[in-house]
Each structure stands twice: as structure tokens, then as C-alpha cells.
Amino acid sequence: MLKKNVADPIRPGTLAHKARAKRWDELLRCFPDLGDMHVLDLGGTPVAWRHAPVRPAHVVTVNLDPRTARQAEPGITSVVGDACSLSLPGHLSTKRFDLVYSNSVLEHVGGHYRRKQFADMVHAHAGHHWVQTPYRYFPVEPHWLFPGMHWLPFRARVAISQHWPHGHIQRAERAQATRDVQEVELVSATEMRSYFPGSSIWFERFVGLPKSLVARR
């Protein structure tokens, strides 16, 4: 029930759905012309835009998963590629976008060097950006929905991932649970400012506590 009632951002009435709606409200407040923009979505998928309250004029999504290339959505071009070392194909290679958008991707790219590469890609492709990532010091780990999990030793996190039934990441045998834990590294506000020094940092809050960070410009 926890997963169904809390973690599903598509299901109306869930906490995740309400949080996403507030985030969209803030995005549209910052970029009221979003519907006319050409957007580069680093790490996103075409399906993720299906429920967007405003669809940009055109979106290019970049994702390592080749399955995303088979997701057809009007006005969206899907590219299979690495958002940290991006090489867009054909006519897109010289395109300048109005906005680079990224939602809950930065914490998955793999360490400081890769996060810096990701930020460089953001700066290189548009003058404006909206980059969201969960906040390291929010008391509930957002992928497993387990209190304080991200502050525990690595071995303890793997054990939790093997047995905890809630959240977005499924229970798995030890080898897969180890990979799942290795692939998530939450960042602090200080780190976020270092990657996006010319941006303002918006703290998305839940019950008054900072839940996620958004670098926006």
C-alpha cells in the first residue's frame, strides 16, 4: 500500500503526484513560454512527457536505455545516448535549445567527474536550464522510501535493497541490489551550486523540509 499510495507520481491523489504537480507549477512560473520552447531532456523518456500539463513545441530526450527509442510520442524525438558525453545525431548536432531539462538523473550518473560532465552538457546546449535532483539531507531516501538509508554503510544499504518492498527500486538478489545501491549517490546543496554556479537553487519542500534541489536559470 505504501508504494501504491505514496510513490506513484501518475496516480492522482498520491503524495508523489501532488509533489510533481507543485514542481510543474514552479517550472511554469519560471518558464511561462514552455509551450513554445525547444527542450533537451537529459535522461528523460518520451513517455514521461505524456502526462505533462504543458507540452513544449518540441522535445529531444536523451537516455542510455535503447527501449526509450521505441516510445512514440507526438513532438518528441528520442535519442539513445549518454547525457554526460552527449553527441547528438545529424541535424541535432548543431542545434541550440531554449531549455535543458532533467528530472532525478544527476544522482544516477556516477560520481563527481561524471556529474561535472553532465553539468557541462547542460551549459553547452542552452542558456536556460531546470535540473532537479533529490536532496542528500532529506530524512527519507527517495528511491527506496526508507528513512535514513542513504546515510547508512554500504553493506547495510545493500541488505535493505534486498528485502525492503517499497519505493521505486525493486527487491533483488545481492548482486543486483549491490548494483542498485552503487548507482545512486545523492548530492548536497553545496555540490549542486558547484556544478551550476550561475544558477539559483530552489529547494522543493515536503512538510517544511528540503526534499529536492533544482538548479534553474
N, C-alpha and C. Protein backbone atom coordinates (compact mmCIF):
# COMPACT_ATOMS: atom_id res chain seq x y z
N MET A 1 0.81 -1.22 0.00
CA MET A 1 0.00 0.00 0.00
C MET A 1 0.84 1.26 0.00
N LEU A 2 1.98 1.21 0.70
CA LEU A 2 2.84 2.39 0.74
C LEU A 2 3.28 2.79 -0.66
N LYS A 3 3.73 1.80 -1.43
CA LYS A 3 4.20 2.10 -2.77
C LYS A 3 3.08 2.66 -3.63
N LYS A 4 1.89 2.06 -3.55
CA LYS A 4 0.76 2.49 -4.37
C LYS A 4 0.30 3.88 -3.98
N ASN A 5 0.24 4.16 -2.70
CA ASN A 5 -0.36 5.40 -2.23
C ASN A 5 0.61 6.56 -2.15
N VAL A 6 1.91 6.29 -2.13
CA VAL A 6 2.88 7.35 -1.93
C VAL A 6 3.78 7.56 -3.14
N ALA A 7 4.26 6.47 -3.74
CA ALA A 7 5.36 6.56 -4.68
C ALA A 7 4.95 6.67 -6.14
N ASP A 8 3.67 6.57 -6.46
CA ASP A 8 3.24 6.60 -7.85
C ASP A 8 2.92 8.03 -8.28
N PRO A 9 3.80 8.66 -9.10
CA PRO A 9 3.57 10.06 -9.47
C PRO A 9 2.46 10.23 -10.50
N ILE A 10 1.99 9.14 -11.11
CA ILE A 10 0.94 9.21 -12.11
C ILE A 10 -0.44 9.12 -11.47
N ARG A 11 -0.53 8.45 -10.35
CA ARG A 11 -1.82 8.20 -9.70
C ARG A 11 -2.30 9.46 -8.98
N PRO A 12 -3.42 10.07 -9.40
CA PRO A 12 -3.93 11.27 -8.74
C PRO A 12 -4.21 11.04 -7.26
N GLY A 13 -3.85 12.02 -6.46
CA GLY A 13 -4.10 11.95 -5.03
C GLY A 13 -2.94 11.44 -4.21
N THR A 14 -1.94 10.80 -4.86
CA THR A 14 -0.78 10.33 -4.11
C THR A 14 0.12 11.50 -3.77
N LEU A 15 0.96 11.30 -2.74
CA LEU A 15 1.90 12.34 -2.36
C LEU A 15 2.86 12.65 -3.50
N ALA A 16 3.28 11.61 -4.22
CA ALA A 16 4.21 11.82 -5.33
C ALA A 16 3.54 12.63 -6.45
N HIS A 17 2.27 12.36 -6.71
CA HIS A 17 1.54 13.10 -7.74
C HIS A 17 1.40 14.57 -7.35
N LYS A 18 1.08 14.83 -6.09
CA LYS A 18 0.94 16.21 -5.63
C LYS A 18 2.28 16.95 -5.68
N ALA A 19 3.36 16.24 -5.32
CA ALA A 19 4.69 16.86 -5.35
C ALA A 19 5.08 17.21 -6.78
N ARG A 20 4.78 16.31 -7.71
CA ARG A 20 5.11 16.57 -9.11
C ARG A 20 4.30 17.74 -9.65
N ALA A 21 3.04 17.85 -9.24
CA ALA A 21 2.20 18.96 -9.70
C ALA A 21 2.76 20.30 -9.21
N LYS A 22 3.22 20.34 -7.95
CA LYS A 22 3.81 21.57 -7.42
C LYS A 22 5.09 21.92 -8.16
N ARG A 23 5.87 20.90 -8.52
CA ARG A 23 7.11 21.14 -9.25
C ARG A 23 6.81 21.71 -10.63
N TRP A 24 5.75 21.19 -11.27
CA TRP A 24 5.36 21.72 -12.57
C TRP A 24 4.89 23.16 -12.45
N ASP A 25 4.16 23.46 -11.41
CA ASP A 25 3.71 24.84 -11.20
C ASP A 25 4.91 25.79 -11.12
N GLU A 26 5.95 25.37 -10.42
CA GLU A 26 7.14 26.21 -10.29
C GLU A 26 7.89 26.31 -11.61
N LEU A 27 7.98 25.20 -12.33
CA LEU A 27 8.64 25.22 -13.64
C LEU A 27 7.94 26.20 -14.58
N LEU A 28 6.61 26.16 -14.60
CA LEU A 28 5.85 27.05 -15.48
C LEU A 28 5.91 28.50 -15.01
N ARG A 29 6.06 28.71 -13.71
CA ARG A 29 6.24 30.07 -13.22
C ARG A 29 7.56 30.65 -13.72
N CYS A 30 8.60 29.80 -13.74
CA CYS A 30 9.93 30.24 -14.20
C CYS A 30 9.99 30.37 -15.72
N PHE A 31 9.28 29.46 -16.41
CA PHE A 31 9.33 29.44 -17.88
C PHE A 31 7.90 29.41 -18.43
N PRO A 32 7.21 30.56 -18.37
CA PRO A 32 5.81 30.59 -18.80
C PRO A 32 5.63 30.32 -20.30
N ASP A 33 6.72 30.43 -21.08
CA ASP A 33 6.64 30.16 -22.51
C ASP A 33 7.06 28.73 -22.84
N LEU A 34 6.99 27.83 -21.89
CA LEU A 34 7.44 26.46 -22.11
C LEU A 34 6.77 25.83 -23.33
N GLY A 35 5.52 26.13 -23.55
CA GLY A 35 4.79 25.55 -24.68
C GLY A 35 5.36 25.93 -26.04
N ASP A 36 6.16 26.99 -26.10
CA ASP A 36 6.77 27.43 -27.36
C ASP A 36 8.24 27.04 -27.46
N MET A 37 8.76 26.38 -26.44
CA MET A 37 10.20 26.11 -26.37
C MET A 37 10.59 24.80 -27.04
N HIS A 38 11.86 24.75 -27.44
CA HIS A 38 12.52 23.52 -27.87
C HIS A 38 13.39 23.06 -26.70
N VAL A 39 13.10 21.88 -26.18
CA VAL A 39 13.67 21.42 -24.91
C VAL A 39 14.53 20.18 -25.14
N LEU A 40 15.68 20.16 -24.49
CA LEU A 40 16.53 18.98 -24.44
C LEU A 40 16.37 18.35 -23.06
N ASP A 41 15.87 17.14 -23.02
CA ASP A 41 15.63 16.43 -21.76
C ASP A 41 16.73 15.39 -21.58
N LEU A 42 17.66 15.65 -20.67
CA LEU A 42 18.78 14.75 -20.41
C LEU A 42 18.36 13.67 -19.41
N GLY A 43 18.35 12.44 -19.88
CA GLY A 43 17.97 11.32 -19.03
C GLY A 43 16.49 11.01 -19.01
N GLY A 44 15.71 11.75 -19.75
CA GLY A 44 14.27 11.56 -19.75
C GLY A 44 13.80 10.56 -20.79
N THR A 45 12.50 10.34 -20.84
CA THR A 45 11.88 9.43 -21.79
C THR A 45 10.68 10.10 -22.43
N PRO A 46 10.32 9.68 -23.64
CA PRO A 46 9.11 10.24 -24.26
C PRO A 46 7.86 10.02 -23.41
N VAL A 47 7.74 8.83 -22.82
CA VAL A 47 6.54 8.52 -22.02
C VAL A 47 6.40 9.47 -20.84
N ALA A 48 7.51 9.92 -20.28
CA ALA A 48 7.44 10.81 -19.12
C ALA A 48 6.75 12.13 -19.45
N TRP A 49 6.75 12.52 -20.72
CA TRP A 49 6.09 13.76 -21.13
C TRP A 49 4.61 13.57 -21.43
N ARG A 50 4.15 12.34 -21.39
CA ARG A 50 2.76 12.07 -21.75
C ARG A 50 1.79 12.76 -20.81
N HIS A 51 2.17 12.87 -19.53
CA HIS A 51 1.28 13.45 -18.53
C HIS A 51 1.65 14.89 -18.17
N ALA A 52 2.52 15.49 -18.96
CA ALA A 52 2.92 16.87 -18.69
C ALA A 52 1.74 17.81 -18.89
N PRO A 53 1.53 18.76 -17.98
CA PRO A 53 0.41 19.69 -18.16
C PRO A 53 0.61 20.63 -19.33
N VAL A 54 1.86 20.86 -19.73
CA VAL A 54 2.18 21.68 -20.90
C VAL A 54 3.22 20.91 -21.72
N ARG A 55 2.97 20.72 -22.98
CA ARG A 55 3.91 20.04 -23.87
C ARG A 55 4.70 21.11 -24.65
N PRO A 56 6.02 21.12 -24.54
CA PRO A 56 6.81 22.07 -25.33
C PRO A 56 6.60 21.89 -26.83
N ALA A 57 7.05 22.87 -27.61
CA ALA A 57 6.91 22.78 -29.07
C ALA A 57 7.61 21.55 -29.59
N HIS A 58 8.77 21.24 -29.04
CA HIS A 58 9.49 20.02 -29.41
C HIS A 58 10.43 19.64 -28.28
N VAL A 59 10.55 18.33 -28.06
CA VAL A 59 11.43 17.81 -27.01
C VAL A 59 12.35 16.76 -27.62
N VAL A 60 13.63 16.83 -27.27
CA VAL A 60 14.58 15.76 -27.59
C VAL A 60 14.98 15.11 -26.28
N THR A 61 14.68 13.83 -26.14
CA THR A 61 15.08 13.10 -24.94
C THR A 61 16.36 12.32 -25.22
N VAL A 62 17.22 12.26 -24.21
CA VAL A 62 18.48 11.50 -24.32
C VAL A 62 18.52 10.51 -23.17
N ASN A 63 18.63 9.23 -23.51
CA ASN A 63 18.61 8.19 -22.49
C ASN A 63 19.47 7.01 -22.96
N LEU A 64 20.19 6.40 -22.01
CA LEU A 64 21.03 5.25 -22.34
C LEU A 64 20.22 4.00 -22.70
N ASP A 65 19.00 3.93 -22.23
CA ASP A 65 18.18 2.74 -22.43
C ASP A 65 17.64 2.71 -23.86
N PRO A 66 18.03 1.73 -24.68
CA PRO A 66 17.55 1.69 -26.06
C PRO A 66 16.04 1.50 -26.18
N ARG A 67 15.39 1.01 -25.13
CA ARG A 67 13.95 0.83 -25.18
C ARG A 67 13.21 2.15 -25.31
N THR A 68 13.82 3.25 -24.86
CA THR A 68 13.16 4.55 -24.94
C THR A 68 12.99 5.00 -26.39
N ALA A 69 13.83 4.49 -27.28
CA ALA A 69 13.73 4.88 -28.69
C ALA A 69 12.46 4.33 -29.33
N ARG A 70 11.83 3.36 -28.70
CA ARG A 70 10.61 2.77 -29.24
C ARG A 70 9.36 3.40 -28.66
N GLN A 71 9.54 4.39 -27.79
CA GLN A 71 8.40 5.07 -27.19
C GLN A 71 8.00 6.26 -28.06
N ALA A 72 6.92 6.12 -28.78
CA ALA A 72 6.48 7.17 -29.70
C ALA A 72 5.55 8.15 -29.00
N GLU A 73 5.89 9.42 -29.05
CA GLU A 73 5.04 10.48 -28.54
C GLU A 73 5.09 11.65 -29.52
N PRO A 74 3.96 12.30 -29.79
CA PRO A 74 3.96 13.43 -30.72
C PRO A 74 4.88 14.55 -30.26
N GLY A 75 5.67 15.09 -31.18
CA GLY A 75 6.52 16.23 -30.88
C GLY A 75 7.76 15.90 -30.09
N ILE A 76 8.10 14.61 -29.97
CA ILE A 76 9.26 14.21 -29.17
C ILE A 76 10.17 13.32 -30.02
N THR A 77 11.46 13.67 -30.02
CA THR A 77 12.48 12.86 -30.66
C THR A 77 13.31 12.18 -29.59
N SER A 78 13.43 10.87 -29.70
CA SER A 78 14.17 10.10 -28.71
C SER A 78 15.55 9.73 -29.24
N VAL A 79 16.59 10.04 -28.46
CA VAL A 79 17.97 9.73 -28.82
C VAL A 79 18.54 8.79 -27.77
N VAL A 80 19.15 7.70 -28.22
CA VAL A 80 19.85 6.80 -27.30
C VAL A 80 21.28 7.31 -27.17
N GLY A 81 21.64 7.73 -25.97
CA GLY A 81 22.97 8.30 -25.79
C GLY A 81 23.26 8.60 -24.33
N ASP A 82 24.49 9.02 -24.09
CA ASP A 82 24.99 9.31 -22.75
C ASP A 82 24.89 10.81 -22.51
N ALA A 83 24.09 11.20 -21.53
CA ALA A 83 23.89 12.62 -21.23
C ALA A 83 25.14 13.30 -20.70
N CYS A 84 26.14 12.52 -20.30
CA CYS A 84 27.39 13.10 -19.77
C CYS A 84 28.45 13.31 -20.86
N SER A 85 28.27 12.68 -22.00
CA SER A 85 29.20 12.86 -23.12
C SER A 85 28.38 12.86 -24.39
N LEU A 86 27.54 13.85 -24.50
CA LEU A 86 26.47 13.86 -25.49
C LEU A 86 26.98 14.20 -26.88
N SER A 87 26.61 13.38 -27.82
CA SER A 87 26.86 13.64 -29.24
C SER A 87 25.55 13.41 -29.98
N LEU A 88 24.85 14.49 -30.27
CA LEU A 88 23.56 14.38 -30.92
C LEU A 88 23.73 14.04 -32.40
N PRO A 89 22.84 13.26 -32.95
CA PRO A 89 22.98 12.83 -34.34
C PRO A 89 22.52 13.88 -35.34
N GLY A 90 23.10 13.81 -36.53
CA GLY A 90 22.62 14.55 -37.68
C GLY A 90 22.35 16.02 -37.44
N HIS A 91 21.15 16.47 -37.85
CA HIS A 91 20.80 17.88 -37.79
C HIS A 91 20.71 18.40 -36.35
N LEU A 92 20.61 17.49 -35.38
CA LEU A 92 20.53 17.93 -33.99
C LEU A 92 21.88 18.32 -33.41
N SER A 93 22.97 17.92 -34.08
CA SER A 93 24.31 18.12 -33.53
C SER A 93 24.67 19.59 -33.37
N THR A 94 24.09 20.46 -34.18
CA THR A 94 24.40 21.89 -34.09
C THR A 94 23.23 22.69 -33.52
N LYS A 95 22.21 22.00 -33.08
CA LYS A 95 21.00 22.70 -32.61
C LYS A 95 21.23 23.32 -31.23
N ARG A 96 20.74 24.52 -31.05
CA ARG A 96 20.75 25.20 -29.76
C ARG A 96 19.33 25.16 -29.21
N PHE A 97 19.17 24.70 -28.00
CA PHE A 97 17.85 24.54 -27.40
C PHE A 97 17.51 25.76 -26.54
N ASP A 98 16.21 25.92 -26.31
CA ASP A 98 15.76 27.00 -25.42
C ASP A 98 15.97 26.64 -23.96
N LEU A 99 15.85 25.34 -23.65
CA LEU A 99 15.90 24.90 -22.26
C LEU A 99 16.45 23.48 -22.19
N VAL A 100 17.36 23.24 -21.24
CA VAL A 100 17.75 21.87 -20.90
C VAL A 100 17.02 21.50 -19.62
N TYR A 101 16.35 20.37 -19.66
CA TYR A 101 15.53 19.89 -18.55
C TYR A 101 16.07 18.53 -18.09
N SER A 102 16.06 18.31 -16.79
CA SER A 102 16.46 17.00 -16.27
C SER A 102 15.76 16.77 -14.95
N ASN A 103 15.21 15.59 -14.78
CA ASN A 103 14.45 15.26 -13.57
C ASN A 103 15.00 13.98 -12.95
N SER A 104 15.56 14.09 -11.75
CA SER A 104 16.05 12.94 -10.98
C SER A 104 17.00 12.06 -11.79
N VAL A 105 18.00 12.69 -12.38
CA VAL A 105 19.01 11.98 -13.16
C VAL A 105 20.41 12.19 -12.60
N LEU A 106 20.69 13.38 -12.13
CA LEU A 106 22.05 13.72 -11.70
C LEU A 106 22.60 12.75 -10.66
N GLU A 107 21.74 12.24 -9.79
CA GLU A 107 22.19 11.33 -8.73
C GLU A 107 22.53 9.93 -9.25
N HIS A 108 22.24 9.68 -10.53
CA HIS A 108 22.46 8.35 -11.10
C HIS A 108 23.67 8.28 -12.05
N VAL A 109 24.28 9.40 -12.38
CA VAL A 109 25.26 9.38 -13.47
C VAL A 109 26.61 8.79 -13.06
N GLY A 110 26.95 8.80 -11.74
CA GLY A 110 28.15 8.11 -11.31
C GLY A 110 29.32 8.96 -10.90
N GLY A 111 29.30 9.54 -9.72
CA GLY A 111 30.46 10.22 -9.16
C GLY A 111 30.64 11.66 -9.61
N HIS A 112 31.56 12.34 -8.94
CA HIS A 112 31.78 13.77 -9.17
C HIS A 112 32.17 14.07 -10.61
N TYR A 113 33.12 13.32 -11.16
CA TYR A 113 33.60 13.62 -12.51
C TYR A 113 32.46 13.53 -13.53
N ARG A 114 31.62 12.52 -13.41
CA ARG A 114 30.50 12.36 -14.34
C ARG A 114 29.45 13.45 -14.11
N ARG A 115 29.22 13.83 -12.87
CA ARG A 115 28.27 14.92 -12.60
C ARG A 115 28.77 16.23 -13.21
N LYS A 116 30.07 16.45 -13.14
CA LYS A 116 30.65 17.66 -13.76
C LYS A 116 30.46 17.61 -15.27
N GLN A 117 30.69 16.47 -15.88
CA GLN A 117 30.45 16.32 -17.32
C GLN A 117 28.99 16.60 -17.66
N PHE A 118 28.09 16.07 -16.84
CA PHE A 118 26.66 16.28 -17.06
C PHE A 118 26.34 17.78 -17.03
N ALA A 119 26.86 18.47 -16.02
CA ALA A 119 26.62 19.92 -15.92
C ALA A 119 27.19 20.66 -17.12
N ASP A 120 28.35 20.24 -17.60
CA ASP A 120 28.94 20.88 -18.78
C ASP A 120 28.04 20.71 -19.99
N MET A 121 27.40 19.54 -20.12
CA MET A 121 26.47 19.32 -21.22
C MET A 121 25.25 20.24 -21.10
N VAL A 122 24.78 20.43 -19.89
CA VAL A 122 23.65 21.33 -19.67
C VAL A 122 24.01 22.74 -20.13
N HIS A 123 25.17 23.23 -19.69
CA HIS A 123 25.58 24.59 -20.04
C HIS A 123 25.84 24.74 -21.54
N ALA A 124 26.29 23.67 -22.18
CA ALA A 124 26.69 23.76 -23.58
C ALA A 124 25.50 23.84 -24.54
N HIS A 125 24.34 23.34 -24.13
CA HIS A 125 23.25 23.18 -25.09
C HIS A 125 22.12 24.19 -24.95
N ALA A 126 22.12 25.02 -23.92
CA ALA A 126 21.07 26.04 -23.79
C ALA A 126 21.49 27.10 -22.78
N GLY A 127 20.89 28.26 -22.91
CA GLY A 127 21.15 29.32 -21.95
C GLY A 127 20.31 29.19 -20.69
N HIS A 128 19.24 28.38 -20.77
CA HIS A 128 18.35 28.17 -19.62
C HIS A 128 18.31 26.68 -19.27
N HIS A 129 18.13 26.40 -17.99
CA HIS A 129 18.04 25.00 -17.58
C HIS A 129 17.20 24.86 -16.32
N TRP A 130 16.74 23.65 -16.15
CA TRP A 130 15.98 23.22 -14.96
C TRP A 130 16.46 21.81 -14.65
N VAL A 131 17.31 21.68 -13.64
CA VAL A 131 17.91 20.38 -13.30
C VAL A 131 17.53 20.05 -11.87
N GLN A 132 16.73 18.99 -11.71
CA GLN A 132 16.24 18.58 -10.40
C GLN A 132 16.94 17.30 -9.95
N THR A 133 17.22 17.21 -8.65
CA THR A 133 17.79 16.01 -8.07
C THR A 133 17.38 15.93 -6.60
N PRO A 134 17.16 14.74 -6.05
CA PRO A 134 16.81 14.63 -4.62
C PRO A 134 17.91 15.18 -3.72
N TYR A 135 17.51 15.70 -2.59
CA TYR A 135 18.43 16.34 -1.65
C TYR A 135 19.01 15.30 -0.69
N ARG A 136 20.31 15.33 -0.54
CA ARG A 136 21.01 14.33 0.27
C ARG A 136 20.54 14.32 1.72
N TYR A 137 20.12 15.45 2.26
CA TYR A 137 19.83 15.52 3.69
C TYR A 137 18.34 15.49 4.02
N PHE A 138 17.52 15.11 3.05
CA PHE A 138 16.13 14.81 3.39
C PHE A 138 16.11 13.46 4.10
N PRO A 139 15.35 13.31 5.17
CA PRO A 139 15.49 12.11 6.01
C PRO A 139 15.02 10.80 5.40
N VAL A 140 14.26 10.81 4.31
CA VAL A 140 13.80 9.58 3.68
C VAL A 140 14.46 9.44 2.32
N GLU A 141 15.15 8.32 2.10
CA GLU A 141 15.78 8.08 0.80
C GLU A 141 14.67 7.94 -0.24
N PRO A 142 14.71 8.70 -1.35
CA PRO A 142 13.55 8.78 -2.24
C PRO A 142 13.37 7.59 -3.18
N HIS A 143 14.42 6.81 -3.43
CA HIS A 143 14.29 5.70 -4.37
C HIS A 143 13.74 4.44 -3.69
N TRP A 144 14.11 4.25 -2.42
CA TRP A 144 13.63 3.10 -1.66
C TRP A 144 12.54 3.47 -0.65
N LEU A 145 12.37 4.77 -0.41
CA LEU A 145 11.42 5.26 0.59
C LEU A 145 11.72 4.66 1.97
N PHE A 146 13.00 4.59 2.29
CA PHE A 146 13.44 4.03 3.56
C PHE A 146 14.12 5.14 4.37
N PRO A 147 13.65 5.42 5.58
CA PRO A 147 14.22 6.52 6.38
C PRO A 147 15.71 6.32 6.66
N GLY A 148 16.51 7.34 6.31
CA GLY A 148 17.92 7.36 6.64
C GLY A 148 18.78 6.36 5.90
N MET A 149 18.24 5.66 4.94
CA MET A 149 19.01 4.62 4.25
C MET A 149 20.28 5.17 3.62
N HIS A 150 20.22 6.35 3.02
CA HIS A 150 21.36 6.91 2.29
C HIS A 150 22.50 7.33 3.21
N TRP A 151 22.26 7.34 4.52
CA TRP A 151 23.32 7.69 5.47
C TRP A 151 23.96 6.45 6.10
N LEU A 152 23.48 5.28 5.75
CA LEU A 152 23.98 4.03 6.34
C LEU A 152 25.19 3.51 5.58
N PRO A 153 25.99 2.62 6.19
CA PRO A 153 27.09 1.98 5.48
C PRO A 153 26.60 1.23 4.26
N PHE A 154 27.49 1.07 3.29
CA PHE A 154 27.12 0.46 2.01
C PHE A 154 26.49 -0.92 2.21
N ARG A 155 27.09 -1.74 3.06
CA ARG A 155 26.59 -3.09 3.27
C ARG A 155 25.16 -3.09 3.79
N ALA A 156 24.86 -2.15 4.68
CA ALA A 156 23.50 -2.06 5.22
C ALA A 156 22.51 -1.64 4.14
N ARG A 157 22.92 -0.75 3.25
CA ARG A 157 22.04 -0.31 2.17
C ARG A 157 21.72 -1.46 1.21
N VAL A 158 22.73 -2.28 0.95
CA VAL A 158 22.51 -3.43 0.08
C VAL A 158 21.52 -4.40 0.73
N ALA A 159 21.67 -4.63 2.02
CA ALA A 159 20.75 -5.54 2.72
C ALA A 159 19.32 -5.01 2.68
N ILE A 160 19.16 -3.70 2.85
CA ILE A 160 17.83 -3.10 2.77
C ILE A 160 17.25 -3.29 1.38
N SER A 161 18.07 -3.07 0.35
CA SER A 161 17.60 -3.19 -1.02
C SER A 161 17.20 -4.62 -1.37
N GLN A 162 17.77 -5.58 -0.67
CA GLN A 162 17.40 -6.98 -0.90
C GLN A 162 16.03 -7.34 -0.33
N HIS A 163 15.61 -6.60 0.71
CA HIS A 163 14.42 -7.04 1.45
C HIS A 163 13.29 -6.01 1.52
N TRP A 164 13.59 -4.73 1.37
CA TRP A 164 12.57 -3.69 1.54
C TRP A 164 11.62 -3.68 0.35
N PRO A 165 10.31 -3.79 0.55
CA PRO A 165 9.38 -3.97 -0.57
C PRO A 165 8.82 -2.69 -1.16
N HIS A 166 9.18 -1.52 -0.63
CA HIS A 166 8.56 -0.27 -1.08
C HIS A 166 9.52 0.54 -1.95
N GLY A 167 9.02 1.63 -2.50
CA GLY A 167 9.85 2.51 -3.30
C GLY A 167 9.87 2.15 -4.77
N HIS A 168 10.72 2.85 -5.52
CA HIS A 168 10.76 2.69 -6.97
C HIS A 168 11.70 1.57 -7.41
N ILE A 169 12.65 1.19 -6.56
CA ILE A 169 13.61 0.16 -6.90
C ILE A 169 13.17 -1.16 -6.27
N GLN A 170 13.05 -2.17 -7.11
CA GLN A 170 12.51 -3.45 -6.67
C GLN A 170 13.52 -4.24 -5.83
N ARG A 171 12.99 -5.08 -4.93
CA ARG A 171 13.85 -6.01 -4.20
C ARG A 171 14.58 -6.91 -5.19
N ALA A 172 15.83 -7.27 -4.85
CA ALA A 172 16.62 -8.08 -5.78
C ALA A 172 17.62 -8.91 -5.00
N GLU A 173 18.19 -9.90 -5.68
CA GLU A 173 19.27 -10.69 -5.09
C GLU A 173 20.49 -9.79 -4.88
N ARG A 174 21.44 -10.28 -4.10
CA ARG A 174 22.54 -9.44 -3.62
C ARG A 174 23.31 -8.74 -4.75
N ALA A 175 23.60 -9.46 -5.85
CA ALA A 175 24.39 -8.85 -6.92
C ALA A 175 23.66 -7.65 -7.53
N GLN A 176 22.36 -7.80 -7.82
CA GLN A 176 21.60 -6.70 -8.38
C GLN A 176 21.38 -5.61 -7.35
N ALA A 177 21.12 -5.97 -6.11
CA ALA A 177 20.95 -4.97 -5.05
C ALA A 177 22.21 -4.14 -4.88
N THR A 178 23.36 -4.77 -5.00
CA THR A 178 24.64 -4.05 -4.92
C THR A 178 24.75 -3.03 -6.04
N ARG A 179 24.40 -3.45 -7.25
CA ARG A 179 24.45 -2.52 -8.39
C ARG A 179 23.46 -1.37 -8.20
N ASP A 180 22.28 -1.69 -7.70
CA ASP A 180 21.27 -0.65 -7.49
C ASP A 180 21.78 0.41 -6.51
N VAL A 181 22.39 -0.03 -5.42
CA VAL A 181 22.90 0.91 -4.43
C VAL A 181 24.07 1.71 -5.00
N GLN A 182 24.93 1.06 -5.77
CA GLN A 182 26.07 1.75 -6.36
C GLN A 182 25.64 2.85 -7.32
N GLU A 183 24.48 2.69 -7.92
CA GLU A 183 24.04 3.61 -8.97
C GLU A 183 23.30 4.84 -8.44
N VAL A 184 23.19 4.98 -7.13
CA VAL A 184 22.51 6.14 -6.55
C VAL A 184 23.45 6.86 -5.60
N GLU A 185 23.67 8.13 -5.87
CA GLU A 185 24.51 8.96 -5.00
C GLU A 185 23.88 10.35 -4.90
N LEU A 186 23.21 10.60 -3.80
CA LEU A 186 22.52 11.88 -3.62
C LEU A 186 23.53 12.99 -3.37
N VAL A 187 23.18 14.21 -3.76
CA VAL A 187 24.11 15.34 -3.63
C VAL A 187 23.56 16.39 -2.68
N SER A 188 24.46 17.22 -2.20
CA SER A 188 24.12 18.30 -1.28
C SER A 188 23.89 19.59 -2.06
N ALA A 189 23.40 20.61 -1.35
CA ALA A 189 23.20 21.91 -1.99
C ALA A 189 24.53 22.54 -2.37
N THR A 190 25.57 22.34 -1.55
CA THR A 190 26.88 22.89 -1.86
C THR A 190 27.42 22.29 -3.15
N GLU A 191 27.26 20.96 -3.31
CA GLU A 191 27.70 20.32 -4.55
C GLU A 191 26.91 20.83 -5.74
N MET A 192 25.61 20.99 -5.56
CA MET A 192 24.76 21.46 -6.65
C MET A 192 25.20 22.85 -7.11
N ARG A 193 25.51 23.72 -6.16
CA ARG A 193 25.97 25.07 -6.52
C ARG A 193 27.30 25.03 -7.25
N SER A 194 28.14 24.06 -6.91
CA SER A 194 29.44 23.97 -7.59
C SER A 194 29.28 23.54 -9.05
N TYR A 195 28.28 22.73 -9.34
CA TYR A 195 28.03 22.30 -10.72
C TYR A 195 27.29 23.36 -11.53
N PHE A 196 26.50 24.18 -10.85
CA PHE A 196 25.70 25.21 -11.54
C PHE A 196 25.90 26.56 -10.83
N PRO A 197 27.11 27.11 -10.93
CA PRO A 197 27.45 28.31 -10.15
C PRO A 197 26.67 29.56 -10.55
N GLY A 198 26.16 29.61 -11.77
CA GLY A 198 25.41 30.79 -12.20
C GLY A 198 23.91 30.65 -12.03
N SER A 199 23.48 29.61 -11.37
CA SER A 199 22.05 29.31 -11.25
C SER A 199 21.54 29.61 -9.85
N SER A 200 20.24 29.81 -9.75
CA SER A 200 19.61 29.84 -8.43
C SER A 200 19.22 28.42 -8.07
N ILE A 201 19.27 28.11 -6.78
CA ILE A 201 18.90 26.78 -6.30
C ILE A 201 17.57 26.89 -5.57
N TRP A 202 16.59 26.21 -6.11
CA TRP A 202 15.26 26.16 -5.48
C TRP A 202 15.15 24.90 -4.66
N PHE A 203 14.74 25.04 -3.40
CA PHE A 203 14.53 23.91 -2.52
C PHE A 203 13.06 23.50 -2.58
N GLU A 204 12.81 22.34 -3.17
CA GLU A 204 11.47 21.79 -3.14
C GLU A 204 11.25 21.16 -1.76
N ARG A 205 10.16 21.51 -1.08
CA ARG A 205 9.99 21.11 0.31
C ARG A 205 8.82 20.16 0.50
N PHE A 206 8.96 19.33 1.54
CA PHE A 206 7.89 18.44 1.96
C PHE A 206 7.79 18.55 3.48
N VAL A 207 6.60 18.86 3.98
CA VAL A 207 6.35 19.16 5.40
C VAL A 207 7.42 20.11 5.95
N GLY A 208 7.80 21.10 5.14
CA GLY A 208 8.74 22.12 5.56
C GLY A 208 10.21 21.78 5.39
N LEU A 209 10.52 20.53 5.08
CA LEU A 209 11.91 20.10 4.93
C LEU A 209 12.31 20.07 3.46
N PRO A 210 13.55 20.51 3.14
CA PRO A 210 14.00 20.42 1.75
C PRO A 210 14.03 18.97 1.27
N LYS A 211 13.30 18.69 0.20
CA LYS A 211 13.18 17.33 -0.33
C LYS A 211 14.04 17.12 -1.57
N SER A 212 14.08 18.13 -2.43
CA SER A 212 14.92 18.03 -3.61
C SER A 212 15.44 19.41 -3.98
N LEU A 213 16.44 19.42 -4.85
CA LEU A 213 17.09 20.64 -5.29
C LEU A 213 16.83 20.83 -6.78
N VAL A 214 16.64 22.08 -7.17
CA VAL A 214 16.52 22.40 -8.60
C VAL A 214 17.47 23.54 -8.91
N ALA A 215 18.41 23.29 -9.81
CA ALA A 215 19.24 24.37 -10.35
C ALA A 215 18.50 24.94 -11.56
N ARG A 216 18.23 26.22 -11.50
CA ARG A 216 17.44 26.83 -12.58
C ARG A 216 18.05 28.15 -13.02
N ARG A 217 17.95 28.39 -14.30
CA ARG A 217 18.44 29.66 -14.84
C ARG A 217 17.71 29.94 -16.15
